[in-house]
PDB file of all heavy atoms in Angstrom:
ATOM      1  N   PRO A   1       0.835  -1.207   0.000  1.00  0.00           N
ATOM      2  CA  PRO A   1       0.000   0.000   0.000  1.00  0.00           C
ATOM      3  C   PRO A   1       0.868   1.255   0.000  1.00  0.00           C
ATOM      4  O   PRO A   1       1.749   1.416   0.848  1.00  0.00           O
ATOM      5  CB  PRO A   1      -0.803  -0.130   1.304  1.00  0.00           C
ATOM      6  CG  PRO A   1      -0.819  -1.597   1.594  1.00  0.00           C
ATOM      7  CD  PRO A   1       0.502  -2.116   1.109  1.00  0.00           C
ATOM      8  N   ARG A   2       0.629   2.113  -0.958  1.00  0.00           N
ATOM      9  CA  ARG A   2       1.462   3.301  -1.113  1.00  0.00           C
ATOM     10  C   ARG A   2       1.222   4.315   0.003  1.00  0.00           C
ATOM     11  O   ARG A   2       0.078   4.529   0.423  1.00  0.00           O
ATOM     12  CB  ARG A   2       1.184   3.948  -2.469  1.00  0.00           C
ATOM     13  CG  ARG A   2       1.647   3.083  -3.631  1.00  0.00           C
ATOM     14  CD  ARG A   2       3.173   3.026  -3.629  1.00  0.00           C
ATOM     15  NE  ARG A   2       3.645   2.125  -4.660  1.00  0.00           N
ATOM     16  CZ  ARG A   2       4.334   1.034  -4.423  1.00  0.00           C
ATOM     17  NH1 ARG A   2       4.615   0.703  -3.179  1.00  0.00           N
ATOM     18  NH2 ARG A   2       4.777   0.285  -5.405  1.00  0.00           N
ATOM     19  N   GLN A   3       2.301   4.955   0.462  1.00  0.00           N
ATOM     20  CA  GLN A   3       2.194   5.935   1.531  1.00  0.00           C
ATOM     21  C   GLN A   3       2.743   7.303   1.121  1.00  0.00           C
ATOM     22  O   GLN A   3       2.243   8.327   1.576  1.00  0.00           O
ATOM     23  CB  GLN A   3       2.951   5.449   2.772  1.00  0.00           C
ATOM     24  CG  GLN A   3       2.396   4.164   3.354  1.00  0.00           C
ATOM     25  CD  GLN A   3       3.134   3.736   4.601  1.00  0.00           C
ATOM     26  OE1 GLN A   3       3.821   4.531   5.237  1.00  0.00           O
ATOM     27  NE2 GLN A   3       3.009   2.475   4.960  1.00  0.00           N
ATOM     28  N   GLU A   4       3.752   7.339   0.277  1.00  0.00           N
ATOM     29  CA  GLU A   4       4.416   8.595  -0.056  1.00  0.00           C
ATOM     30  C   GLU A   4       4.638   8.683  -1.562  1.00  0.00           C
ATOM     31  O   GLU A   4       4.458   7.697  -2.284  1.00  0.00           O
ATOM     32  CB  GLU A   4       5.753   8.706   0.683  1.00  0.00           C
ATOM     33  CG  GLU A   4       5.623   8.645   2.202  1.00  0.00           C
ATOM     34  CD  GLU A   4       6.962   8.668   2.905  1.00  0.00           C
ATOM     35  OE1 GLU A   4       7.581   7.605   3.016  1.00  0.00           O
ATOM     36  OE2 GLU A   4       7.386   9.753   3.327  1.00  0.00           O
ATOM     37  N   PHE A   5       5.039   9.865  -2.015  1.00  0.00           N
ATOM     38  CA  PHE A   5       5.438   9.995  -3.416  1.00  0.00           C
ATOM     39  C   PHE A   5       6.554  11.029  -3.538  1.00  0.00           C
ATOM     40  O   PHE A   5       6.697  11.929  -2.705  1.00  0.00           O
ATOM     41  CB  PHE A   5       4.257  10.347  -4.328  1.00  0.00           C
ATOM     42  CG  PHE A   5       3.612  11.683  -4.061  1.00  0.00           C
ATOM     43  CD1 PHE A   5       3.995  12.813  -4.777  1.00  0.00           C
ATOM     44  CD2 PHE A   5       2.603  11.808  -3.122  1.00  0.00           C
ATOM     45  CE1 PHE A   5       3.387  14.039  -4.546  1.00  0.00           C
ATOM     46  CE2 PHE A   5       1.986  13.030  -2.887  1.00  0.00           C
ATOM     47  CZ  PHE A   5       2.382  14.144  -3.602  1.00  0.00           C
ATOM     48  N   VAL A   6       7.356  10.843  -4.582  1.00  0.00           N
ATOM     49  CA  VAL A   6       8.464  11.738  -4.886  1.00  0.00           C
ATOM     50  C   VAL A   6       8.104  12.512  -6.146  1.00  0.00           C
ATOM     51  O   VAL A   6       7.744  11.911  -7.166  1.00  0.00           O
ATOM     52  CB  VAL A   6       9.769  10.955  -5.106  1.00  0.00           C
ATOM     53  CG1 VAL A   6      10.920  11.908  -5.435  1.00  0.00           C
ATOM     54  CG2 VAL A   6      10.102  10.107  -3.894  1.00  0.00           C
ATOM     55  N   VAL A   7       8.160  13.836  -6.076  1.00  0.00           N
ATOM     56  CA  VAL A   7       7.891  14.659  -7.244  1.00  0.00           C
ATOM     57  C   VAL A   7       9.203  14.865  -7.998  1.00  0.00           C
ATOM     58  O   VAL A   7      10.180  15.362  -7.437  1.00  0.00           O
ATOM     59  CB  VAL A   7       7.296  16.021  -6.856  1.00  0.00           C
ATOM     60  CG1 VAL A   7       6.982  16.847  -8.115  1.00  0.00           C
ATOM     61  CG2 VAL A   7       6.039  15.837  -6.019  1.00  0.00           C
ATOM     62  N   VAL A   8       9.220  14.440  -9.269  1.00  0.00           N
ATOM     63  CA  VAL A   8      10.403  14.615 -10.111  1.00  0.00           C
ATOM     64  C   VAL A   8      10.033  15.491 -11.293  1.00  0.00           C
ATOM     65  O   VAL A   8       8.858  15.601 -11.668  1.00  0.00           O
ATOM     66  CB  VAL A   8      10.971  13.268 -10.592  1.00  0.00           C
ATOM     67  CG1 VAL A   8      11.404  12.414  -9.411  1.00  0.00           C
ATOM     68  CG2 VAL A   8       9.950  12.517 -11.435  1.00  0.00           C
ATOM     69  N   GLU A   9      11.038  16.104 -11.877  1.00  0.00           N
ATOM     70  CA  GLU A   9      10.832  16.994 -13.015  1.00  0.00           C
ATOM     71  C   GLU A   9      11.738  16.559 -14.151  1.00  0.00           C
ATOM     72  O   GLU A   9      12.954  16.414 -13.974  1.00  0.00           O
ATOM     73  CB  GLU A   9      11.115  18.445 -12.626  1.00  0.00           C
ATOM     74  CG  GLU A   9      10.731  19.465 -13.685  1.00  0.00           C
ATOM     75  CD  GLU A   9      10.911  20.888 -13.187  1.00  0.00           C
ATOM     76  OE1 GLU A   9      12.031  21.214 -12.743  1.00  0.00           O
ATOM     77  OE2 GLU A   9       9.953  21.674 -13.242  1.00  0.00           O
ATOM     78  N   VAL A  10      11.159  16.344 -15.327  1.00  0.00           N
ATOM     79  CA  VAL A  10      11.912  15.895 -16.492  1.00  0.00           C
ATOM     80  C   VAL A  10      11.556  16.770 -17.682  1.00  0.00           C
ATOM     81  O   VAL A  10      10.551  17.497 -17.679  1.00  0.00           O
ATOM     82  CB  VAL A  10      11.610  14.416 -16.821  1.00  0.00           C
ATOM     83  CG1 VAL A  10      12.044  13.511 -15.682  1.00  0.00           C
ATOM     84  CG2 VAL A  10      10.126  14.220 -17.119  1.00  0.00           C
ATOM     85  N   ASP A  11      12.370  16.676 -18.730  1.00  0.00           N
ATOM     86  CA  ASP A  11      12.120  17.442 -19.947  1.00  0.00           C
ATOM     87  C   ASP A  11      10.909  16.899 -20.682  1.00  0.00           C
ATOM     88  O   ASP A  11      10.643  15.686 -20.686  1.00  0.00           O
ATOM     89  CB  ASP A  11      13.338  17.380 -20.871  1.00  0.00           C
ATOM     90  CG  ASP A  11      14.524  18.115 -20.285  1.00  0.00           C
ATOM     91  OD1 ASP A  11      14.307  19.116 -19.576  1.00  0.00           O
ATOM     92  OD2 ASP A  11      15.665  17.687 -20.527  1.00  0.00           O
ATOM     93  N   SER A  12      10.178  17.786 -21.317  1.00  0.00           N
ATOM     94  CA  SER A  12       9.060  17.387 -22.152  1.00  0.00           C
ATOM     95  C   SER A  12       9.582  16.649 -23.380  1.00  0.00           C
ATOM     96  O   SER A  12      10.676  16.935 -23.866  1.00  0.00           O
ATOM     97  CB  SER A  12       8.268  18.622 -22.586  1.00  0.00           C
ATOM     98  OG  SER A  12       7.367  18.310 -23.628  1.00  0.00           O
ATOM     99  N   PRO A  13       8.826  15.682 -23.932  1.00  0.00           N
ATOM    100  CA  PRO A  13       9.256  15.015 -25.158  1.00  0.00           C
ATOM    101  C   PRO A  13       9.283  15.955 -26.351  1.00  0.00           C
ATOM    102  O   PRO A  13       9.930  15.674 -27.357  1.00  0.00           O
ATOM    103  CB  PRO A  13       8.209  13.908 -25.343  1.00  0.00           C
ATOM    104  CG  PRO A  13       7.012  14.384 -24.603  1.00  0.00           C
ATOM    105  CD  PRO A  13       7.548  15.156 -23.435  1.00  0.00           C
ATOM    106  N   GLU A  14       8.565  17.067 -26.259  1.00  0.00           N
ATOM    107  CA  GLU A  14       8.591  18.058 -27.319  1.00  0.00           C
ATOM    108  C   GLU A  14       9.677  19.072 -27.015  1.00  0.00           C
ATOM    109  O   GLU A  14       9.671  19.725 -25.987  1.00  0.00           O
ATOM    110  CB  GLU A  14       7.237  18.755 -27.431  1.00  0.00           C
ATOM    111  CG  GLU A  14       6.084  17.805 -27.728  1.00  0.00           C
ATOM    112  CD  GLU A  14       4.763  18.537 -27.773  1.00  0.00           C
ATOM    113  OE1 GLU A  14       4.783  19.783 -27.655  1.00  0.00           O
ATOM    114  OE2 GLU A  14       3.729  17.879 -27.919  1.00  0.00           O
ATOM    115  N   ALA A  15      10.634  19.199 -27.896  1.00  0.00           N
ATOM    116  CA  ALA A  15      11.790  20.070 -27.668  1.00  0.00           C
ATOM    117  C   ALA A  15      11.425  21.521 -27.945  1.00  0.00           C
ATOM    118  O   ALA A  15      11.960  22.158 -28.856  1.00  0.00           O
ATOM    119  CB  ALA A  15      12.958  19.632 -28.547  1.00  0.00           C
ATOM    120  N   THR A  16      10.463  22.056 -27.205  1.00  0.00           N
ATOM    121  CA  THR A  16      10.029  23.435 -27.408  1.00  0.00           C
ATOM    122  C   THR A  16      10.062  24.184 -26.093  1.00  0.00           C
ATOM    123  O   THR A  16       9.570  23.722 -25.076  1.00  0.00           O
ATOM    124  CB  THR A  16       8.592  23.485 -27.964  1.00  0.00           C
ATOM    125  OG1 THR A  16       7.719  22.820 -27.062  1.00  0.00           O
ATOM    126  CG2 THR A  16       8.530  22.792 -29.323  1.00  0.00           C
ATOM    127  N   LEU A  17      10.634  25.343 -26.114  1.00  0.00           N
ATOM    128  CA  LEU A  17      10.590  26.280 -24.986  1.00  0.00           C
ATOM    129  C   LEU A  17      11.132  25.706 -23.684  1.00  0.00           C
ATOM    130  O   LEU A  17      10.780  26.165 -22.613  1.00  0.00           O
ATOM    131  CB  LEU A  17       9.143  26.761 -24.768  1.00  0.00           C
ATOM    132  CG  LEU A  17       8.481  27.458 -25.964  1.00  0.00           C
ATOM    133  CD1 LEU A  17       7.042  27.815 -25.619  1.00  0.00           C
ATOM    134  CD2 LEU A  17       9.260  28.696 -26.377  1.00  0.00           C
ATOM    135  N   ARG A  18      11.999  24.706 -23.789  1.00  0.00           N
ATOM    136  CA  ARG A  18      12.617  24.110 -22.595  1.00  0.00           C
ATOM    137  C   ARG A  18      11.556  23.709 -21.563  1.00  0.00           C
ATOM    138  O   ARG A  18      11.750  23.827 -20.369  1.00  0.00           O
ATOM    139  CB  ARG A  18      13.630  25.060 -21.967  1.00  0.00           C
ATOM    140  CG  ARG A  18      14.790  25.419 -22.865  1.00  0.00           C
ATOM    141  CD  ARG A  18      15.831  26.207 -22.111  1.00  0.00           C
ATOM    142  NE  ARG A  18      15.267  27.411 -21.539  1.00  0.00           N
ATOM    143  CZ  ARG A  18      15.913  28.205 -20.691  1.00  0.00           C
ATOM    144  NH1 ARG A  18      17.143  27.898 -20.299  1.00  0.00           N
ATOM    145  NH2 ARG A  18      15.345  29.279 -20.215  1.00  0.00           N
ATOM    146  N   GLU A  19      10.410  23.248 -22.039  1.00  0.00           N
ATOM    147  CA  GLU A  19       9.318  22.880 -21.143  1.00  0.00           C
ATOM    148  C   GLU A  19       9.701  21.665 -20.307  1.00  0.00           C
ATOM    149  O   GLU A  19      10.301  20.715 -20.802  1.00  0.00           O
ATOM    150  CB  GLU A  19       8.071  22.558 -21.957  1.00  0.00           C
ATOM    151  CG  GLU A  19       6.861  22.216 -21.091  1.00  0.00           C
ATOM    152  CD  GLU A  19       5.647  21.870 -21.927  1.00  0.00           C
ATOM    153  OE1 GLU A  19       5.768  21.897 -23.165  1.00  0.00           O
ATOM    154  OE2 GLU A  19       4.605  21.561 -21.330  1.00  0.00           O
ATOM    155  N   ARG A  20       9.351  21.698 -19.035  1.00  0.00           N
ATOM    156  CA  ARG A  20       9.619  20.580 -18.139  1.00  0.00           C
ATOM    157  C   ARG A  20       8.312  20.135 -17.494  1.00  0.00           C
ATOM    158  O   ARG A  20       7.404  20.939 -17.291  1.00  0.00           O
ATOM    159  CB  ARG A  20      10.654  20.961 -17.082  1.00  0.00           C
ATOM    160  CG  ARG A  20      12.041  21.192 -17.690  1.00  0.00           C
ATOM    161  CD  ARG A  20      13.054  21.649 -16.656  1.00  0.00           C
ATOM    162  NE  ARG A  20      13.352  20.627 -15.676  1.00  0.00           N
ATOM    163  CZ  ARG A  20      14.166  19.603 -15.883  1.00  0.00           C
ATOM    164  NH1 ARG A  20      14.754  19.448 -17.054  1.00  0.00           N
ATOM    165  NH2 ARG A  20      14.409  18.727 -14.918  1.00  0.00           N
ATOM    166  N   ILE A  21       8.238  18.861 -17.180  1.00  0.00           N
ATOM    167  CA  ILE A  21       7.021  18.254 -16.677  1.00  0.00           C
ATOM    168  C   ILE A  21       7.283  17.630 -15.309  1.00  0.00           C
ATOM    169  O   ILE A  21       8.311  16.969 -15.115  1.00  0.00           O
ATOM    170  CB  ILE A  21       6.511  17.177 -17.657  1.00  0.00           C
ATOM    171  CG1 ILE A  21       6.170  17.814 -19.011  1.00  0.00           C
ATOM    172  CG2 ILE A  21       5.310  16.446 -17.090  1.00  0.00           C
ATOM    173  CD1 ILE A  21       5.805  16.802 -20.069  1.00  0.00           C
ATOM    174  N   LYS A  22       6.361  17.844 -14.378  1.00  0.00           N
ATOM    175  CA  LYS A  22       6.466  17.234 -13.048  1.00  0.00           C
ATOM    176  C   LYS A  22       5.599  15.982 -12.989  1.00  0.00           C
ATOM    177  O   LYS A  22       4.463  15.973 -13.476  1.00  0.00           O
ATOM    178  CB  LYS A  22       6.049  18.224 -11.971  1.00  0.00           C
ATOM    179  CG  LYS A  22       7.030  19.385 -11.767  1.00  0.00           C
ATOM    180  CD  LYS A  22       6.572  20.254 -10.608  1.00  0.00           C
ATOM    181  CE  LYS A  22       7.591  21.356 -10.306  1.00  0.00           C
ATOM    182  NZ  LYS A  22       7.713  22.322 -11.406  1.00  0.00           N
ATOM    183  N   ILE A  23       6.137  14.926 -12.377  1.00  0.00           N
ATOM    184  CA  ILE A  23       5.450  13.645 -12.251  1.00  0.00           C
ATOM    185  C   ILE A  23       5.704  13.116 -10.840  1.00  0.00           C
ATOM    186  O   ILE A  23       6.794  13.275 -10.288  1.00  0.00           O
ATOM    187  CB  ILE A  23       5.961  12.637 -13.301  1.00  0.00           C
ATOM    188  CG1 ILE A  23       5.639  13.143 -14.705  1.00  0.00           C
ATOM    189  CG2 ILE A  23       5.362  11.249 -13.085  1.00  0.00           C
ATOM    190  CD1 ILE A  23       6.261  12.319 -15.796  1.00  0.00           C
ATOM    191  N   GLY A  24       4.701  12.471 -10.257  1.00  0.00           N
ATOM    192  CA  GLY A  24       4.857  11.851  -8.943  1.00  0.00           C
ATOM    193  C   GLY A  24       5.195  10.373  -9.071  1.00  0.00           C
ATOM    194  O   GLY A  24       4.592   9.662  -9.875  1.00  0.00           O
ATOM    195  N   ILE A  25       6.176   9.909  -8.304  1.00  0.00           N
ATOM    196  CA  ILE A  25       6.566   8.505  -8.272  1.00  0.00           C
ATOM    197  C   ILE A  25       6.099   7.925  -6.939  1.00  0.00           C
ATOM    198  O   ILE A  25       6.572   8.338  -5.872  1.00  0.00           O
ATOM    199  CB  ILE A  25       8.091   8.326  -8.410  1.00  0.00           C
ATOM    200  CG1 ILE A  25       8.610   9.050  -9.656  1.00  0.00           C
ATOM    201  CG2 ILE A  25       8.453   6.842  -8.434  1.00  0.00           C
ATOM    202  CD1 ILE A  25       8.077   8.510 -10.960  1.00  0.00           C
ATOM    203  N   ALA A  26       5.147   6.994  -6.985  1.00  0.00           N
ATOM    204  CA  ALA A  26       4.616   6.404  -5.759  1.00  0.00           C
ATOM    205  C   ALA A  26       5.649   5.487  -5.122  1.00  0.00           C
ATOM    206  O   ALA A  26       6.262   4.669  -5.806  1.00  0.00           O
ATOM    207  CB  ALA A  26       3.337   5.623  -6.066  1.00  0.00           C
ATOM    208  N   VAL A  27       5.859   5.643  -3.821  1.00  0.00           N
ATOM    209  CA  VAL A  27       6.822   4.815  -3.085  1.00  0.00           C
ATOM    210  C   VAL A  27       6.214   4.412  -1.753  1.00  0.00           C
ATOM    211  O   VAL A  27       5.232   5.005  -1.284  1.00  0.00           O
ATOM    212  CB  VAL A  27       8.162   5.551  -2.852  1.00  0.00           C
ATOM    213  CG1 VAL A  27       8.782   5.989  -4.170  1.00  0.00           C
ATOM    214  CG2 VAL A  27       7.978   6.759  -1.937  1.00  0.00           C
ATOM    215  N   ASP A  28       6.809   3.389  -1.146  1.00  0.00           N
ATOM    216  CA  ASP A  28       6.353   2.945   0.169  1.00  0.00           C
ATOM    217  C   ASP A  28       7.025   3.719   1.293  1.00  0.00           C
ATOM    218  O   ASP A  28       6.419   3.985   2.319  1.00  0.00           O
ATOM    219  CB  ASP A  28       6.629   1.454   0.345  1.00  0.00           C
ATOM    220  CG  ASP A  28       5.895   0.635  -0.692  1.00  0.00           C
ATOM    221  OD1 ASP A  28       4.666   0.594  -0.643  1.00  0.00           O
ATOM    222  OD2 ASP A  28       6.556   0.061  -1.570  1.00  0.00           O
ATOM    223  N   LYS A  29       8.288   4.096   1.066  1.00  0.00           N
ATOM    224  CA  LYS A  29       9.015   4.804   2.112  1.00  0.00           C
ATOM    225  C   LYS A  29      10.170   5.565   1.493  1.00  0.00           C
ATOM    226  O   LYS A  29      10.787   5.105   0.531  1.00  0.00           O
ATOM    227  CB  LYS A  29       9.541   3.830   3.177  1.00  0.00           C
ATOM    228  CG  LYS A  29      10.087   4.516   4.427  1.00  0.00           C
ATOM    229  CD  LYS A  29      10.390   3.516   5.521  1.00  0.00           C
ATOM    230  CE  LYS A  29      10.868   4.215   6.791  1.00  0.00           C
ATOM    231  NZ  LYS A  29      11.168   3.267   7.887  1.00  0.00           N
ATOM    232  N   ILE A  30      10.439   6.756   2.045  1.00  0.00           N
ATOM    233  CA  ILE A  30      11.574   7.573   1.626  1.00  0.00           C
ATOM    234  C   ILE A  30      12.606   7.523   2.742  1.00  0.00           C
ATOM    235  O   ILE A  30      12.291   7.805   3.903  1.00  0.00           O
ATOM    236  CB  ILE A  30      11.131   9.020   1.352  1.00  0.00           C
ATOM    237  CG1 ILE A  30      10.124   9.047   0.195  1.00  0.00           C
ATOM    238  CG2 ILE A  30      12.330   9.899   1.018  1.00  0.00           C
ATOM    239  CD1 ILE A  30       9.428  10.377   0.024  1.00  0.00           C
ATOM    240  N   PHE A  31      13.833   7.164   2.395  1.00  0.00           N
ATOM    241  CA  PHE A  31      14.877   7.015   3.406  1.00  0.00           C
ATOM    242  C   PHE A  31      15.765   8.255   3.479  1.00  0.00           C
ATOM    243  O   PHE A  31      15.549   9.125   4.291  1.00  0.00           O
ATOM    244  CB  PHE A  31      15.705   5.759   3.127  1.00  0.00           C
ATOM    245  CG  PHE A  31      14.933   4.496   3.341  1.00  0.00           C
ATOM    246  CD1 PHE A  31      14.327   3.847   2.272  1.00  0.00           C
ATOM    247  CD2 PHE A  31      14.767   3.958   4.599  1.00  0.00           C
ATOM    248  CE1 PHE A  31      13.592   2.688   2.457  1.00  0.00           C
ATOM    249  CE2 PHE A  31      14.034   2.800   4.803  1.00  0.00           C
ATOM    250  CZ  PHE A  31      13.438   2.163   3.732  1.00  0.00           C
ATOM    251  N   ASP A  32      16.727   8.378   2.623  1.00  0.00           N
ATOM    252  CA  ASP A  32      17.682   9.472   2.767  1.00  0.00           C
ATOM    253  C   ASP A  32      18.394   9.692   1.447  1.00  0.00           C
ATOM    254  O   ASP A  32      18.230   8.930   0.486  1.00  0.00           O
ATOM    255  CB  ASP A  32      18.697   9.140   3.870  1.00  0.00           C
ATOM    256  CG  ASP A  32      19.398  10.387   4.395  1.00  0.00           C
ATOM    257  OD1 ASP A  32      18.992  11.505   4.035  1.00  0.00           O
ATOM    258  OD2 ASP A  32      20.361  10.238   5.157  1.00  0.00           O
ATOM    259  N   VAL A  33      19.227  10.723   1.425  1.00  0.00           N
ATOM    260  CA  VAL A  33      20.075  11.003   0.269  1.00  0.00           C
ATOM    261  C   VAL A  33      21.416  10.314   0.467  1.00  0.00           C
ATOM    262  O   VAL A  33      21.991  10.348   1.554  1.00  0.00           O
ATOM    263  CB  VAL A  33      20.281  12.516   0.092  1.00  0.00           C
ATOM    264  CG1 VAL A  33      21.298  12.800  -1.001  1.00  0.00           C
ATOM    265  CG2 VAL A  33      18.966  13.198  -0.217  1.00  0.00           C
ATOM    266  N   SER A  34      21.907   9.671  -0.587  1.00  0.00           N
ATOM    267  CA  SER A  34      23.201   8.994  -0.537  1.00  0.00           C
ATOM    268  C   SER A  34      24.042   9.471  -1.711  1.00  0.00           C
ATOM    269  O   SER A  34      23.519   9.744  -2.796  1.00  0.00           O
ATOM    270  CB  SER A  34      23.002   7.472  -0.614  1.00  0.00           C
ATOM    271  OG  SER A  34      24.246   6.803  -0.643  1.00  0.00           O
ATOM    272  N   TYR A  35      25.349   9.590  -1.488  1.00  0.00           N
ATOM    273  CA  TYR A  35      26.268   9.985  -2.559  1.00  0.00           C
ATOM    274  C   TYR A  35      27.155   8.791  -2.875  1.00  0.00           C
ATOM    275  O   TYR A  35      27.885   8.297  -2.012  1.00  0.00           O
ATOM    276  CB  TYR A  35      27.093  11.207  -2.140  1.00  0.00           C
ATOM    277  CG  TYR A  35      26.250  12.447  -2.025  1.00  0.00           C
ATOM    278  CD1 TYR A  35      25.634  12.787  -0.825  1.00  0.00           C
ATOM    279  CD2 TYR A  35      26.030  13.264  -3.131  1.00  0.00           C
ATOM    280  CE1 TYR A  35      24.827  13.916  -0.725  1.00  0.00           C
ATOM    281  CE2 TYR A  35      25.233  14.401  -3.039  1.00  0.00           C
ATOM    282  CZ  TYR A  35      24.641  14.719  -1.828  1.00  0.00           C
ATOM    283  OH  TYR A  35      23.848  15.840  -1.736  1.00  0.00           O
ATOM    284  N   LEU A  36      27.086   8.343  -4.123  1.00  0.00           N
ATOM    285  CA  LEU A  36      27.746   7.108  -4.506  1.00  0.00           C
ATOM    286  C   LEU A  36      29.029   7.368  -5.275  1.00  0.00           C
ATOM    287  O   LEU A  36      29.074   8.219  -6.167  1.00  0.00           O
ATOM    288  CB  LEU A  36      26.813   6.265  -5.387  1.00  0.00           C
ATOM    289  CG  LEU A  36      25.497   5.799  -4.757  1.00  0.00           C
ATOM    290  CD1 LEU A  36      24.682   5.051  -5.793  1.00  0.00           C
ATOM    291  CD2 LEU A  36      25.763   4.926  -3.545  1.00  0.00           C
ATOM    292  N   ALA A  37      30.071   6.617  -4.924  1.00  0.00           N
ATOM    293  CA  ALA A  37      31.296   6.610  -5.725  1.00  0.00           C
ATOM    294  C   ALA A  37      31.089   5.695  -6.925  1.00  0.00           C
ATOM    295  O   ALA A  37      30.305   4.738  -6.878  1.00  0.00           O
ATOM    296  CB  ALA A  37      32.473   6.117  -4.879  1.00  0.00           C
ATOM    297  N   ASN A  38      31.785   5.974  -8.011  1.00  0.00           N
ATOM    298  CA  ASN A  38      31.665   5.148  -9.212  1.00  0.00           C
ATOM    299  C   ASN A  38      31.984   3.689  -8.922  1.00  0.00           C
ATOM    300  O   ASN A  38      31.389   2.774  -9.507  1.00  0.00           O
ATOM    301  CB  ASN A  38      32.606   5.676 -10.302  1.00  0.00           C
ATOM    302  CG  ASN A  38      32.133   7.004 -10.867  1.00  0.00           C
ATOM    303  OD1 ASN A  38      30.967   7.171 -11.181  1.00  0.00           O
ATOM    304  ND2 ASN A  38      33.045   7.960 -10.978  1.00  0.00           N
ATOM    305  N   THR A  39      32.928   3.486  -8.017  1.00  0.00           N
ATOM    306  CA  THR A  39      33.342   2.114  -7.716  1.00  0.00           C
ATOM    307  C   THR A  39      32.289   1.336  -6.945  1.00  0.00           C
ATOM    308  O   THR A  39      32.383   0.113  -6.819  1.00  0.00           O
ATOM    309  CB  THR A  39      34.653   2.128  -6.909  1.00  0.00           C
ATOM    310  OG1 THR A  39      34.470   2.948  -5.739  1.00  0.00           O
ATOM    311  CG2 THR A  39      35.794   2.697  -7.740  1.00  0.00           C
ATOM    312  N   GLN A  40      31.269   2.031  -6.404  1.00  0.00           N
ATOM    313  CA  GLN A  40      30.223   1.360  -5.635  1.00  0.00           C
ATOM    314  C   GLN A  40      29.119   0.791  -6.519  1.00  0.00           C
ATOM    315  O   GLN A  40      28.283   0.036  -6.046  1.00  0.00           O
ATOM    316  CB  GLN A  40      29.608   2.334  -4.625  1.00  0.00           C
ATOM    317  CG  GLN A  40      30.531   2.770  -3.514  1.00  0.00           C
ATOM    318  CD  GLN A  40      29.872   3.783  -2.610  1.00  0.00           C
ATOM    319  OE1 GLN A  40      29.933   4.975  -2.836  1.00  0.00           O
ATOM    320  NE2 GLN A  40      29.193   3.284  -1.586  1.00  0.00           N
ATOM    321  N   VAL A  41      29.097   1.174  -7.787  1.00  0.00           N
ATOM    322  CA  VAL A  41      28.031   0.744  -8.695  1.00  0.00           C
ATOM    323  C   VAL A  41      28.489  -0.496  -9.453  1.00  0.00           C
ATOM    324  O   VAL A  41      29.528  -0.490 -10.106  1.00  0.00           O
ATOM    325  CB  VAL A  41      27.658   1.866  -9.681  1.00  0.00           C
ATOM    326  CG1 VAL A  41      26.539   1.403 -10.616  1.00  0.00           C
ATOM    327  CG2 VAL A  41      27.241   3.117  -8.921  1.00  0.00           C
ATOM    328  N   GLU A  42      27.674  -1.558  -9.360  1.00  0.00           N
ATOM    329  CA  GLU A  42      27.990  -2.809 -10.039  1.00  0.00           C
ATOM    330  C   GLU A  42      26.973  -3.078 -11.142  1.00  0.00           C
ATOM    331  O   GLU A  42      25.886  -2.501 -11.172  1.00  0.00           O
ATOM    332  CB  GLU A  42      27.976  -3.968  -9.028  1.00  0.00           C
ATOM    333  CG  GLU A  42      28.951  -3.782  -7.870  1.00  0.00           C
ATOM    334  CD  GLU A  42      28.832  -4.893  -6.850  1.00  0.00           C
ATOM    335  OE1 GLU A  42      27.998  -5.800  -7.063  1.00  0.00           O
ATOM    336  OE2 GLU A  42      29.554  -4.858  -5.838  1.00  0.00           O
TER     337      GLU A  42
END
């Protein structure tokens, strides 16, 4: 059951006027911000 959502902003598929679109991503829980080193990604 969904409890939270993250609002993200991406470019419109139409390359006009630098338009950007906001979309909500449904999630169960939001934890924290993490900064990853390249070597940590597999």
